[in-house]
Amino acid sequence: MMRPGRRVIFSLGLTALSWILVTGCAGSGSSMEGPPPSDGGHDGGPSCKTDQDCGPGLACQAGRCVVVPDGGTQTDAGPPEDEHLVFGPPVGSENYVFVVNTTLGTVAKIDPGSLANIEVSSIPVGLRPTILATIPGSDNAVVLNEGSRSLSVIEAAEDQDTVIDVEIGQPYTSMVLSPGGRWAVAFFDQSEVWTDPSNSASKIAVVDIDAVLAGEIKVYEFAVGYRVTDVIFDRLNGPQGPFASRLLIVSKSEIAVADLGLLQTTWILPRVWIDNPDAEVVEAREVLATPDARILLFRNYNTAELTIVDMEQAESTRLLLHSVPTDVDLSPDGTTLVAVQRSTGIVTRVDLNSDLSRVVELDGVRYFDPDGDGLPEPDDLTHVLAQNPYGEPLKVGQAELFTTVDFRLAAVLYTNVDRTEEISIIQLDTMEITYLGRLINKLVDYVVISPSANTALVIHRAEYNSPETDPVEREIDALYGYTLVDLPSQATFQQVIEAPVGPLSFSRSGRYALLTVFDDHLEVNELHVVDLFRLTLQMDSVPLEALPLFVGALPGGEIGYVAQEHDYGKITFVDMETMAKRAVTGYELNAE
């Protein structure tokens, strides 16, 4: 039964989209290419002589296929045929992949099924859609439409898709969903791009998505601080999964606080000021938050002090480090802060509950005093000078945190600035460092920890002027590559490749990693599917017909997908267990 105020868009099966090209094979990775899809006439269609030359719902007018409104004779040929289509990144729900077509104002819903019968449907939304987010644990999605100043809430299903339009009053440029997906916040993101103040930039709209799905539109608008950079929800755990109770809107100098349970009776959001000029430098700062959103941490890329804002006490306090931190991270539970300082080779650990219990004031400024000596200087108890087994200082600039199999907090340490073919592991409870330099034979670009925390994926960069004298080592150094490190056993697998690693993703189970490898000049376009349980490629890498742009995996199964550069939209699905693949070219019935 259709709820009031909804418009229903019935899905079109793959057979209805006659021009969509589906290619595939199992195992070999080969595929067939066909001609580009024909234009359905939405934006100035193809040439024609009679109506029979056009698709359903189209008519031949002045030699072009155009849309004919129901019951009318007016037509609109629209923009020129060479209009560039703009697609957003693909976003996976439990069973579908959604792709936003900003140009046409639609969302393509792709159902990979078992890869044997891929279905694509086109869902009209608002004008100039830009951002799509899916609601966790469902096939529902929320779309921000900048042109029509609205949100489109999509209820996706196998037989039909329902769309509810929600007006939000402003052409907001960004959107964030809360944990659990009940709340959507639309705002003007001014962290990097200036927004015209005539658009009421210091304003947000909060939409109750649960109420919208129940047939009631609830939109709350609030004034916030100047130059919004971050929107943060707390993350609480309940019987139905994660949810949010509080919202923080971080702007240049202040933090607006919204109690999500009191939005109907709230007129003005209370503010907490950020009391440190260095923390107000928007273009050179990073903002971190504990899961309960009680503590916000501001890092300025150019200073050796951190600003920590206690949201309950409404106080800003500074923490001095030994030197400028090159990386700052919070543990998943929000109890431990880790700061790596490359220039001094120091790794600092701060327990947010105990180390930040003492404060000293100097010239009216609050500083933390973890060791209780009454001085606002770097603490001598919560840091370690990183050294290898030979007593030599390690070159460290980055840390990737993870939890070990025995539930200890640890981090992989590395640098991607100095010439160093090494990584180390630090146990953060004891600050003991295990040197793993013998496992790495190439320069490190960055490190990613798998969702299971059993594997470190070390991405290597090429080194064209290697000092190695061995010709084989020099040739290996000049190539790109990646190394898989099984953290419990320290077993490794290294893969050397011709082109750099691009976007990557993991399956929800944590077993598989998907890595795009591409170089436009070398004409290398590949997707590597890596079995992390076995530390090997599942099979040979999957060749792609176009430059990969985005990669992801469906939560509901071991199906990966990679979107590629294509005028009409192109996405390749891969079954990570069997390595069967199929590609879809063309997202829209009326695409050019």
Protein backbone atom coordinates (compact mmCIF):
# COMPACT_ATOMS: atom_id res chain seq x y z
CA MET A 1 0.00 0.00 0.00
CA MET A 2 1.43 3.36 -0.98
CA ARG A 3 1.75 5.85 1.86
CA PRO A 4 0.48 9.43 1.39
CA GLY A 5 2.90 11.86 -0.17
CA ARG A 6 4.98 9.23 -1.90
CA ARG A 7 5.74 8.72 -5.54
CA VAL A 8 6.45 5.20 -6.67
CA ILE A 9 9.00 4.36 -9.32
CA PHE A 10 8.68 0.85 -10.67
CA SER A 11 11.93 -0.97 -11.40
CA LEU A 12 12.83 -1.70 -14.97
CA GLY A 13 14.46 -5.08 -15.48
CA LEU A 14 17.56 -5.54 -17.55
CA THR A 15 15.54 -6.64 -20.55
CA ALA A 16 13.69 -3.32 -20.52
CA LEU A 17 16.98 -1.43 -20.71
CA SER A 18 17.75 -2.86 -24.10
CA TRP A 19 20.95 -0.92 -24.64
CA ILE A 20 22.66 -1.90 -21.39
CA LEU A 21 25.66 -4.05 -22.14
CA VAL A 22 26.38 -6.95 -19.80
CA THR A 23 29.56 -8.90 -20.36
CA GLY A 24 31.08 -11.64 -18.28
CA CYS A 25 32.98 -14.81 -17.80
CA ALA A 26 34.09 -16.99 -14.94
CA GLY A 27 37.71 -17.14 -13.95
CA SER A 28 39.48 -15.97 -17.06
CA GLY A 29 38.65 -12.28 -16.63
CA SER A 30 38.04 -11.75 -20.33
CA SER A 31 35.03 -9.84 -21.58
CA MET A 32 33.45 -8.56 -24.76
CA GLU A 33 32.94 -4.95 -25.63
CA GLY A 34 29.97 -3.64 -27.53
CA PRO A 35 29.01 -0.32 -29.10
CA PRO A 36 28.19 2.62 -26.81
CA PRO A 37 24.61 2.79 -25.59
CA SER A 38 22.12 4.76 -27.60
CA ASP A 39 20.65 7.98 -26.29
CA GLY A 40 17.07 7.63 -25.08
CA GLY A 41 16.31 11.28 -25.81
CA HIS A 42 16.21 12.73 -22.30
CA ASP A 43 18.84 15.37 -23.08
CA GLY A 44 18.52 15.89 -26.80
CA GLY A 45 18.12 12.42 -28.26
CA PRO A 46 19.55 10.64 -31.26
CA SER A 47 18.48 11.27 -34.82
CA CYS A 48 15.27 9.66 -36.04
CA LYS A 49 12.79 9.62 -38.92
CA THR A 50 9.71 8.17 -37.25
CA ASP A 51 8.51 7.47 -33.70
CA GLN A 52 9.44 3.82 -34.23
CA ASP A 53 13.11 4.86 -34.21
CA CYS A 54 12.77 6.05 -30.60
CA GLY A 55 12.30 4.20 -27.32
CA PRO A 56 9.17 3.92 -25.14
CA GLY A 57 7.70 7.27 -24.10
CA LEU A 58 9.64 9.13 -26.78
CA ALA A 59 8.59 10.74 -30.03
CA CYS A 60 10.44 11.88 -33.14
CA GLN A 61 10.37 15.71 -33.27
CA ALA A 62 12.42 17.64 -35.85
CA GLY A 63 14.61 14.60 -36.46
CA ARG A 64 15.37 14.00 -32.75
CA CYS A 65 13.94 11.60 -30.15
CA VAL A 66 12.45 13.69 -27.33
CA VAL A 67 10.32 13.12 -24.25
CA VAL A 68 6.60 13.75 -24.73
CA PRO A 69 4.79 14.74 -21.51
CA ASP A 70 1.67 12.72 -20.70
CA GLY A 71 -1.34 14.11 -22.53
CA GLY A 72 0.61 16.95 -24.08
CA THR A 73 2.38 17.82 -27.26
CA GLN A 74 5.16 20.03 -25.93
CA THR A 75 8.69 18.72 -26.19
CA ASP A 76 12.04 19.77 -24.82
CA ALA A 77 15.16 18.69 -26.66
CA GLY A 78 17.27 19.85 -23.69
CA PRO A 79 21.03 20.42 -23.64
CA PRO A 80 23.37 19.54 -26.53
CA GLU A 81 24.19 15.91 -27.17
CA ASP A 82 27.77 16.26 -25.97
CA GLU A 83 26.75 17.13 -22.39
CA HIS A 84 29.10 15.45 -19.92
CA LEU A 85 27.39 13.10 -17.48
CA VAL A 86 28.59 13.39 -13.87
CA PHE A 87 28.38 10.24 -11.74
CA GLY A 88 28.90 9.95 -8.00
CA PRO A 89 30.80 7.08 -6.41
CA PRO A 90 28.93 3.77 -6.16
CA VAL A 91 27.51 3.03 -2.71
CA GLY A 92 26.53 -0.47 -1.63
CA SER A 93 23.55 -1.42 0.51
CA GLU A 94 22.80 -4.94 1.69
CA ASN A 95 21.87 -6.17 -1.80
CA TYR A 96 22.24 -3.30 -4.28
CA VAL A 97 24.75 -0.78 -5.57
CA PHE A 98 23.53 2.80 -6.08
CA VAL A 99 25.12 5.31 -8.43
CA VAL A 100 24.09 8.98 -8.50
CA ASN A 101 23.77 10.65 -11.91
CA THR A 102 24.13 14.33 -11.02
CA THR A 103 23.48 15.49 -14.57
CA LEU A 104 20.17 13.70 -15.10
CA GLY A 105 18.86 13.85 -11.54
CA THR A 106 18.56 10.10 -11.13
CA VAL A 107 19.96 7.21 -9.12
CA ALA A 108 20.84 3.94 -10.81
CA LYS A 109 20.05 0.91 -8.67
CA ILE A 110 22.08 -2.12 -9.74
CA ASP A 111 21.15 -5.58 -8.53
CA PRO A 112 24.07 -7.93 -9.23
CA GLY A 113 22.11 -10.98 -8.12
CA SER A 114 24.28 -14.00 -8.75
CA LEU A 115 26.05 -12.14 -11.60
CA ALA A 116 24.15 -14.31 -14.06
CA ASN A 117 21.29 -11.83 -14.44
CA ILE A 118 22.22 -8.29 -13.43
CA GLU A 119 19.29 -5.89 -13.26
CA VAL A 120 19.47 -2.09 -13.43
CA SER A 121 16.70 0.37 -12.65
CA SER A 122 16.66 4.16 -12.91
CA ILE A 123 15.17 6.05 -9.95
CA PRO A 124 14.31 9.75 -10.51
CA VAL A 125 15.22 11.95 -7.53
CA GLY A 126 15.66 15.72 -7.20
CA LEU A 127 17.67 18.22 -9.23
CA ARG A 128 21.46 17.89 -9.18
CA PRO A 129 21.84 15.04 -6.68
CA THR A 130 25.36 14.95 -5.28
CA ILE A 131 25.66 12.68 -2.23
CA LEU A 132 24.07 9.31 -1.50
CA ALA A 133 24.31 7.35 1.74
CA THR A 134 22.73 4.02 2.59
CA ILE A 135 20.99 3.20 5.85
CA PRO A 136 22.93 0.41 7.61
CA GLY A 137 21.36 -3.03 7.59
CA SER A 138 18.85 -2.15 4.86
CA ASP A 139 18.45 -1.36 1.18
CA ASN A 140 17.22 2.17 1.88
CA ALA A 141 19.19 5.23 0.82
CA VAL A 142 19.18 9.00 1.33
CA VAL A 143 20.17 11.40 -1.47
CA LEU A 144 21.11 15.06 -1.14
CA ASN A 145 19.72 17.09 -4.06
CA GLU A 146 21.59 20.38 -4.20
CA GLY A 147 19.61 21.78 -7.14
CA SER A 148 16.12 21.21 -5.73
CA ARG A 149 17.15 21.86 -2.10
CA SER A 150 15.79 18.55 -0.94
CA LEU A 151 16.54 15.05 0.27
CA SER A 152 15.19 11.98 -1.50
CA VAL A 153 14.62 8.98 0.77
CA ILE A 154 14.63 5.77 -1.30
CA GLU A 155 13.03 2.54 -0.14
CA ALA A 156 14.53 0.02 -2.55
CA ALA A 157 12.92 -3.34 -3.16
CA GLU A 158 13.01 -6.08 -5.75
CA ASP A 159 9.61 -5.32 -7.27
CA GLN A 160 9.35 -1.54 -6.83
CA ASP A 161 11.24 1.42 -5.40
CA THR A 162 9.56 4.15 -3.39
CA VAL A 163 10.89 7.71 -3.21
CA ILE A 164 9.92 10.35 -0.65
CA ASP A 165 11.02 13.93 -1.30
CA VAL A 166 11.84 16.14 1.70
CA GLU A 167 12.37 19.89 1.24
CA ILE A 168 15.26 21.26 3.31
CA GLY A 169 15.24 24.91 2.25
CA GLN A 170 18.88 25.47 1.26
CA PRO A 171 21.22 24.18 -1.48
CA TYR A 172 23.37 22.39 1.09
CA THR A 173 26.65 20.95 -0.17
CA SER A 174 27.19 18.04 2.21
CA MET A 175 25.27 15.42 4.18
CA VAL A 176 26.04 13.01 7.02
CA LEU A 177 23.93 10.12 8.35
CA SER A 178 23.95 9.14 12.00
CA PRO A 179 24.97 5.66 13.23
CA GLY A 180 21.97 3.47 12.57
CA GLY A 181 20.72 5.89 9.90
CA ARG A 182 17.88 7.58 11.77
CA TRP A 183 19.14 11.15 11.32
CA ALA A 184 20.43 13.00 8.27
CA VAL A 185 22.22 16.34 8.62
CA ALA A 186 22.59 18.61 5.60
CA PHE A 187 25.08 21.48 5.86
CA PHE A 188 27.46 23.72 3.95
CA ASP A 189 30.91 22.15 4.16
CA GLN A 190 33.38 25.02 4.39
CA SER A 191 36.46 23.06 5.46
CA GLU A 192 38.11 23.60 2.07
CA VAL A 193 35.70 25.47 -0.23
CA TRP A 194 34.18 28.88 0.49
CA THR A 195 30.39 28.98 0.41
CA ASP A 196 28.57 32.14 -0.64
CA PRO A 197 27.14 33.67 2.58
CA SER A 198 23.92 34.50 0.72
CA ASN A 199 23.10 30.79 1.07
CA SER A 200 22.85 31.07 4.88
CA ALA A 201 26.07 29.11 5.28
CA SER A 202 25.86 29.10 9.10
CA LYS A 203 22.82 26.87 9.07
CA ILE A 204 22.00 23.16 9.14
CA ALA A 205 18.93 20.99 8.52
CA VAL A 206 18.33 17.84 10.58
CA VAL A 207 15.90 15.31 9.06
CA ASP A 208 14.30 12.47 11.03
CA ILE A 209 14.56 9.64 8.48
CA ASP A 210 12.59 7.18 10.62
CA ALA A 211 9.68 9.63 10.72
CA VAL A 212 9.89 10.18 6.95
CA LEU A 213 9.72 6.43 6.33
CA ALA A 214 6.68 6.28 8.62
CA GLY A 215 4.91 8.93 6.53
CA GLU A 216 5.64 12.05 8.59
CA ILE A 217 8.03 14.80 7.45
CA LYS A 218 10.16 16.17 10.31
CA VAL A 219 12.82 18.75 9.42
CA TYR A 220 14.60 20.89 12.02
CA GLU A 221 16.68 23.93 11.01
CA PHE A 222 19.23 25.54 13.31
CA ALA A 223 21.75 28.35 13.22
CA VAL A 224 25.33 27.17 13.86
CA GLY A 225 28.78 28.70 13.92
CA TYR A 226 30.67 30.37 11.10
CA ARG A 227 32.49 28.06 8.67
CA VAL A 228 31.31 24.53 9.49
CA THR A 229 34.02 21.88 9.03
CA ASP A 230 32.83 18.74 10.85
CA VAL A 231 29.52 17.12 11.79
CA ILE A 232 29.90 14.50 14.52
CA PHE A 233 27.37 12.12 16.08
CA ASP A 234 27.98 10.17 19.24
CA ARG A 235 27.89 6.40 18.73
CA LEU A 236 26.00 4.40 21.33
CA ASN A 237 25.17 0.70 21.32
CA GLY A 238 21.61 -0.50 21.85
CA PRO A 239 19.64 -3.73 21.41
CA GLN A 240 18.86 -2.78 17.80
CA GLY A 241 22.46 -1.80 16.98
CA PRO A 242 24.34 1.51 17.05
CA PHE A 243 22.42 4.74 17.44
CA ALA A 244 23.05 8.42 18.14
CA SER A 245 21.69 10.65 20.90
CA ARG A 246 23.76 13.80 20.38
CA LEU A 247 25.01 15.84 17.44
CA LEU A 248 28.02 18.18 17.39
CA ILE A 249 28.51 20.78 14.63
CA VAL A 250 32.10 21.99 14.61
CA SER A 251 32.78 25.37 13.06
CA LYS A 252 35.86 27.58 13.05
CA SER A 253 35.68 28.81 16.66
CA GLU A 254 32.80 26.96 18.31
CA ILE A 255 30.89 23.71 18.63
CA ALA A 256 27.08 23.67 18.51
CA VAL A 257 25.43 20.86 20.49
CA ALA A 258 22.09 19.26 19.61
CA ASP A 259 20.26 16.79 21.83
CA LEU A 260 18.51 14.62 19.23
CA GLY A 261 15.74 13.71 21.64
CA LEU A 262 14.80 17.37 22.21
CA LEU A 263 14.84 18.80 18.69
CA GLN A 264 11.13 19.62 18.70
CA THR A 265 11.51 21.92 21.72
CA THR A 266 14.95 23.38 20.87
CA TRP A 267 15.18 26.84 19.34
CA ILE A 268 18.83 27.77 19.80
CA LEU A 269 21.64 25.20 20.05
CA PRO A 270 24.01 25.70 23.00
CA ARG A 271 27.64 26.44 22.09
CA VAL A 272 31.04 25.41 23.41
CA TRP A 273 33.91 27.70 22.40
CA ILE A 274 37.27 26.40 21.16
CA ASP A 275 39.70 28.32 23.37
CA ASN A 276 42.92 28.20 21.31
CA PRO A 277 43.71 30.31 18.23
CA ASP A 278 45.84 27.48 16.78
CA ALA A 279 42.82 25.15 16.89
CA GLU A 280 40.81 27.68 14.86
CA VAL A 281 43.09 27.45 11.81
CA VAL A 282 40.62 25.52 9.67
CA GLU A 283 42.93 24.90 6.72
CA ALA A 284 45.58 23.25 8.93
CA ARG A 285 43.65 21.19 11.45
CA GLU A 286 42.24 17.73 12.07
CA VAL A 287 39.33 17.01 14.40
CA LEU A 288 38.94 13.68 16.22
CA ALA A 289 36.17 12.62 18.60
CA THR A 290 35.64 9.84 21.12
CA PRO A 291 32.72 7.50 20.34
CA ASP A 292 30.58 9.11 23.03
CA ALA A 293 31.44 12.58 21.61
CA ARG A 294 32.45 13.73 25.09
CA ILE A 295 36.00 14.63 24.06
CA LEU A 296 37.01 16.45 20.86
CA LEU A 297 40.67 16.66 19.91
CA PHE A 298 42.01 19.40 17.63
CA ARG A 299 45.37 18.91 15.96
CA ASN A 300 47.13 21.78 14.19
CA TYR A 301 49.54 20.44 11.56
CA ASN A 302 52.12 23.13 12.42
CA THR A 303 52.26 23.11 16.23
CA ALA A 304 53.47 20.73 18.96
CA GLU A 305 50.36 21.07 21.09
CA LEU A 306 46.95 19.47 20.91
CA THR A 307 43.72 21.14 22.00
CA ILE A 308 41.30 18.87 23.85
CA VAL A 309 37.74 20.08 24.38
CA ASP A 310 35.68 18.47 27.14
CA MET A 311 32.10 18.85 25.94
CA GLU A 312 30.59 18.10 29.36
CA GLN A 313 32.72 20.66 31.19
CA ALA A 314 32.75 23.07 28.21
CA GLU A 315 36.50 23.56 28.66
CA SER A 316 39.48 23.63 26.30
CA THR A 317 42.81 22.33 27.61
CA ARG A 318 46.14 22.04 25.80
CA LEU A 319 48.49 19.06 25.75
CA LEU A 320 52.13 19.70 24.90
CA LEU A 321 54.09 17.13 22.86
CA HIS A 322 57.84 16.91 22.27
CA SER A 323 57.53 18.05 18.64
CA VAL A 324 54.99 18.57 15.87
CA PRO A 325 52.95 15.35 15.52
CA THR A 326 52.90 13.80 12.06
CA ASP A 327 50.05 11.46 13.00
CA VAL A 328 47.44 11.48 15.78
CA ASP A 329 44.94 8.65 16.35
CA LEU A 330 42.32 7.59 18.89
CA SER A 331 41.69 3.99 19.88
CA PRO A 332 38.31 2.56 18.76
CA ASP A 333 36.94 2.81 22.30
CA GLY A 334 38.15 6.39 22.65
CA THR A 335 40.27 5.77 25.76
CA THR A 336 43.78 6.08 24.28
CA LEU A 337 45.43 8.78 22.21
CA VAL A 338 48.55 8.01 20.15
CA ALA A 339 50.76 10.74 18.65
CA VAL A 340 53.77 10.04 16.42
CA GLN A 341 56.43 12.74 16.12
CA ARG A 342 58.77 12.10 13.20
CA SER A 343 61.39 14.78 13.90
CA THR A 344 62.15 13.40 17.38
CA GLY A 345 61.34 9.73 16.71
CA ILE A 346 58.91 9.71 19.64
CA VAL A 347 55.64 7.82 20.03
CA THR A 348 53.37 9.25 22.74
CA ARG A 349 50.51 7.39 24.41
CA VAL A 350 47.91 9.25 26.46
CA ASP A 351 45.23 7.60 28.58
CA LEU A 352 42.34 10.04 28.29
CA ASN A 353 40.81 8.96 31.60
CA SER A 354 43.86 8.99 33.89
CA ASP A 355 46.59 11.05 32.19
CA LEU A 356 44.24 13.98 31.60
CA SER A 357 43.00 14.19 35.19
CA ARG A 358 45.60 16.79 36.25
CA VAL A 359 45.65 20.35 34.95
CA VAL A 360 48.01 23.24 35.50
CA GLU A 361 47.29 26.86 34.54
CA LEU A 362 49.90 29.22 33.13
CA ASP A 363 49.17 32.82 32.13
CA GLY A 364 45.45 32.04 32.09
CA VAL A 365 45.84 29.01 29.79
CA ARG A 366 44.95 25.48 30.91
CA TYR A 367 47.51 22.72 30.23
CA PHE A 368 47.39 19.02 31.01
CA ASP A 369 50.05 17.75 33.41
CA PRO A 370 50.04 13.92 33.06
CA ASP A 371 53.06 13.30 35.35
CA GLY A 372 51.84 15.74 38.03
CA ASP A 373 55.05 17.74 38.29
CA GLY A 374 53.20 21.04 38.05
CA LEU A 375 54.81 22.00 34.73
CA PRO A 376 53.02 22.37 31.35
CA GLU A 377 55.74 20.52 29.45
CA PRO A 378 55.88 17.25 27.50
CA ASP A 379 55.35 14.34 29.85
CA ASP A 380 58.23 11.89 30.45
CA LEU A 381 56.07 8.90 31.38
CA THR A 382 53.77 8.39 28.43
CA HIS A 383 56.20 8.29 25.51
CA VAL A 384 58.92 6.12 24.05
CA LEU A 385 61.84 6.84 21.74
CA ALA A 386 61.42 4.40 18.86
CA GLN A 387 64.55 2.29 18.34
CA ASN A 388 65.45 -0.87 16.43
CA PRO A 389 67.07 -3.89 18.17
CA TYR A 390 70.50 -2.35 17.59
CA GLY A 391 69.72 0.78 19.56
CA GLU A 392 69.41 2.90 16.44
CA PRO A 393 66.49 5.36 16.18
CA LEU A 394 63.63 4.25 14.00
CA LYS A 395 62.26 6.58 11.37
CA VAL A 396 58.57 6.73 12.25
CA GLY A 397 55.96 9.20 11.12
CA GLN A 398 52.69 7.24 10.95
CA ALA A 399 50.80 4.75 13.14
CA GLU A 400 47.99 2.39 12.18
CA LEU A 401 46.15 1.20 15.30
CA PHE A 402 44.67 -2.29 15.70
CA THR A 403 43.63 -4.74 18.40
CA THR A 404 45.65 -7.96 18.64
CA VAL A 405 44.18 -11.46 18.92
CA ASP A 406 44.66 -11.24 22.70
CA PHE A 407 42.75 -7.91 22.77
CA ARG A 408 45.75 -5.62 23.28
CA LEU A 409 45.96 -2.24 21.59
CA ALA A 410 48.87 -2.08 19.18
CA ALA A 411 50.00 -0.06 16.15
CA VAL A 412 52.06 -0.54 13.01
CA LEU A 413 54.73 2.18 12.82
CA TYR A 414 56.28 3.38 9.56
CA THR A 415 57.30 6.42 7.56
CA ASN A 416 56.65 7.34 3.94
CA VAL A 417 58.98 10.34 3.88
CA ASP A 418 62.44 8.98 4.65
CA ARG A 419 64.05 6.22 2.63
CA THR A 420 63.17 3.31 4.89
CA GLU A 421 62.23 -0.26 3.99
CA GLU A 422 60.83 -1.19 7.38
CA ILE A 423 57.81 -1.35 9.64
CA SER A 424 57.53 -1.99 13.38
CA ILE A 425 54.78 -2.95 15.81
CA ILE A 426 54.34 -1.22 19.15
CA GLN A 427 52.31 -2.72 22.01
CA LEU A 428 50.72 0.40 23.45
CA ASP A 429 50.11 -0.97 26.96
CA THR A 430 53.83 -1.61 27.52
CA MET A 431 55.22 0.67 24.76
CA GLU A 432 57.43 -2.24 23.62
CA ILE A 433 58.46 -2.14 19.94
CA THR A 434 58.97 -5.17 17.71
CA TYR A 435 61.12 -4.40 14.69
CA LEU A 436 59.92 -6.05 11.45
CA GLY A 437 62.34 -4.50 9.00
CA ARG A 438 63.38 -7.87 7.64
CA LEU A 439 59.83 -8.44 6.34
CA ILE A 440 59.75 -5.38 4.07
CA ASN A 441 61.88 -5.07 0.93
CA LYS A 442 60.49 -1.90 -0.63
CA LEU A 443 59.71 1.67 0.37
CA VAL A 444 56.45 2.05 2.28
CA ASP A 445 53.75 4.37 0.97
CA TYR A 446 51.03 3.59 3.52
CA VAL A 447 49.64 0.76 5.65
CA VAL A 448 46.03 -0.43 6.02
CA ILE A 449 44.83 -2.89 8.66
CA SER A 450 42.17 -5.42 7.58
CA PRO A 451 38.78 -5.40 9.38
CA SER A 452 39.72 -8.64 11.17
CA ALA A 453 42.97 -6.95 12.36
CA ASN A 454 44.87 -10.08 11.35
CA THR A 455 46.53 -8.61 8.25
CA ALA A 456 48.54 -5.49 7.57
CA LEU A 457 48.38 -4.43 3.93
CA VAL A 458 51.59 -2.53 3.19
CA ILE A 459 51.41 -0.47 -0.01
CA HIS A 460 54.77 0.27 -1.65
CA ARG A 461 55.84 3.14 -3.86
CA ALA A 462 58.37 2.94 -6.67
CA GLU A 463 61.96 4.10 -6.15
CA TYR A 464 63.67 5.05 -9.38
CA ASN A 465 67.09 5.92 -7.89
CA SER A 466 67.60 2.99 -5.58
CA PRO A 467 71.05 2.75 -3.95
CA GLU A 468 70.98 -1.05 -4.25
CA THR A 469 73.92 -2.54 -6.14
CA ASP A 470 72.17 -5.84 -6.87
CA PRO A 471 70.49 -5.38 -10.30
CA VAL A 472 67.53 -7.55 -9.29
CA GLU A 473 66.94 -5.48 -6.14
CA ARG A 474 67.21 -2.26 -8.14
CA GLU A 475 64.64 -3.51 -10.64
CA ILE A 476 62.26 -4.52 -7.84
CA ASP A 477 62.71 -1.15 -6.12
CA ALA A 478 61.76 0.64 -9.35
CA LEU A 479 58.35 -1.09 -9.40
CA TYR A 480 55.25 -0.58 -7.29
CA GLY A 481 53.83 -3.32 -5.10
CA TYR A 482 52.21 -4.41 -1.87
CA THR A 483 53.05 -6.79 0.95
CA LEU A 484 50.58 -8.73 3.09
CA VAL A 485 51.74 -9.29 6.66
CA ASP A 486 49.88 -11.84 8.79
CA LEU A 487 50.19 -10.07 12.14
CA PRO A 488 49.89 -13.11 14.47
CA SER A 489 52.47 -15.23 12.60
CA GLN A 490 54.41 -12.48 10.77
CA ALA A 491 54.16 -14.52 7.56
CA THR A 492 54.28 -12.35 4.43
CA PHE A 493 53.34 -12.32 0.77
CA GLN A 494 54.78 -9.67 -1.58
CA GLN A 495 53.38 -8.72 -4.97
CA VAL A 496 55.31 -6.49 -7.37
CA ILE A 497 53.21 -4.55 -9.90
CA GLU A 498 53.79 -2.14 -12.78
CA ALA A 499 51.38 0.58 -11.66
CA PRO A 500 50.47 2.15 -8.31
CA VAL A 501 47.67 0.90 -6.08
CA GLY A 502 44.57 3.10 -6.22
CA PRO A 503 41.31 2.86 -4.25
CA LEU A 504 40.95 -0.32 -2.20
CA SER A 505 38.31 -1.98 -0.06
CA PHE A 506 37.63 -5.07 2.05
CA SER A 507 34.76 -7.54 2.15
CA ARG A 508 32.58 -7.36 5.25
CA SER A 509 33.81 -10.78 6.39
CA GLY A 510 37.35 -9.43 6.30
CA ARG A 511 38.58 -12.33 4.22
CA TYR A 512 39.12 -10.51 0.92
CA ALA A 513 40.82 -7.29 -0.07
CA LEU A 514 40.11 -5.54 -3.36
CA LEU A 515 42.87 -3.37 -4.80
CA THR A 516 42.71 -1.31 -7.97
CA VAL A 517 45.99 -1.07 -9.88
CA PHE A 518 46.15 1.39 -12.76
CA ASP A 519 48.26 3.77 -14.79
CA ASP A 520 46.66 5.63 -17.68
CA HIS A 521 49.92 6.05 -19.62
CA LEU A 522 50.93 2.39 -19.27
CA GLU A 523 47.35 1.31 -20.02
CA VAL A 524 47.31 -0.85 -16.89
CA ASN A 525 43.80 -1.26 -15.42
CA GLU A 526 43.40 -4.16 -13.01
CA LEU A 527 41.50 -5.28 -9.95
CA HIS A 528 43.39 -7.55 -7.54
CA VAL A 529 41.30 -9.78 -5.31
CA VAL A 530 43.41 -10.96 -2.39
CA ASP A 531 42.53 -13.84 -0.07
CA LEU A 532 43.81 -12.55 3.27
CA PHE A 533 43.31 -15.91 4.97
CA ARG A 534 45.80 -17.47 2.58
CA LEU A 535 47.88 -14.33 1.87
CA THR A 536 47.59 -14.88 -1.86
CA LEU A 537 45.72 -13.68 -4.89
CA GLN A 538 42.54 -15.72 -5.12
CA MET A 539 43.30 -16.14 -8.83
CA ASP A 540 44.96 -14.02 -11.48
CA SER A 541 44.16 -10.31 -11.30
CA VAL A 542 41.01 -9.15 -13.09
CA PRO A 543 41.71 -6.98 -16.16
CA LEU A 544 39.45 -3.95 -16.46
CA GLU A 545 38.44 -2.27 -19.70
CA ALA A 546 38.67 1.29 -18.32
CA LEU A 547 40.37 3.33 -15.61
CA PRO A 548 39.07 2.30 -12.15
CA LEU A 549 37.65 5.10 -9.99
CA PHE A 550 35.92 3.53 -6.99
CA VAL A 551 35.86 0.08 -5.41
CA GLY A 552 33.66 -1.51 -2.77
CA ALA A 553 31.95 -4.68 -1.59
CA LEU A 554 28.34 -5.58 -0.86
CA PRO A 555 27.70 -6.30 2.82
CA GLY A 556 25.31 -9.12 2.01
CA GLY A 557 27.86 -11.43 0.33
CA GLU A 558 31.33 -11.76 -1.12
CA ILE A 559 30.52 -9.61 -4.16
CA GLY A 560 32.94 -6.80 -4.98
CA TYR A 561 32.47 -3.99 -7.47
CA VAL A 562 34.65 -1.43 -9.19
CA ALA A 563 33.39 1.63 -11.07
CA GLN A 564 35.42 2.74 -14.06
CA GLU A 565 35.89 5.89 -16.10
CA HIS A 566 33.26 5.79 -18.84
CA ASP A 567 31.06 8.38 -20.53
CA TYR A 568 27.96 6.29 -19.88
CA GLY A 569 28.93 4.75 -16.56
CA LYS A 570 30.63 1.38 -16.18
CA ILE A 571 30.82 -1.00 -13.24
CA THR A 572 32.32 -4.49 -12.96
CA PHE A 573 31.14 -7.01 -10.37
CA VAL A 574 33.39 -9.82 -9.12
CA ASP A 575 32.41 -12.85 -7.08
CA MET A 576 35.39 -12.98 -4.72
CA GLU A 577 34.90 -16.69 -4.02
CA THR A 578 34.68 -17.94 -7.62
CA MET A 579 36.29 -14.99 -9.43
CA ALA A 580 33.37 -14.87 -11.88
CA LYS A 581 32.89 -11.34 -13.20
CA ARG A 582 30.30 -9.39 -15.14
CA ALA A 583 30.30 -5.77 -16.29
CA VAL A 584 27.46 -3.31 -16.81
CA THR A 585 27.91 -0.37 -19.16
CA GLY A 586 25.37 2.45 -19.02
CA TYR A 587 23.51 3.42 -15.88
CA GLU A 588 20.60 5.34 -17.34
CA LEU A 589 17.90 4.53 -19.87
CA ASN A 590 18.16 8.10 -21.17
CA ALA A 591 21.90 8.57 -20.83
CA GLU A 592 23.92 9.99 -23.67
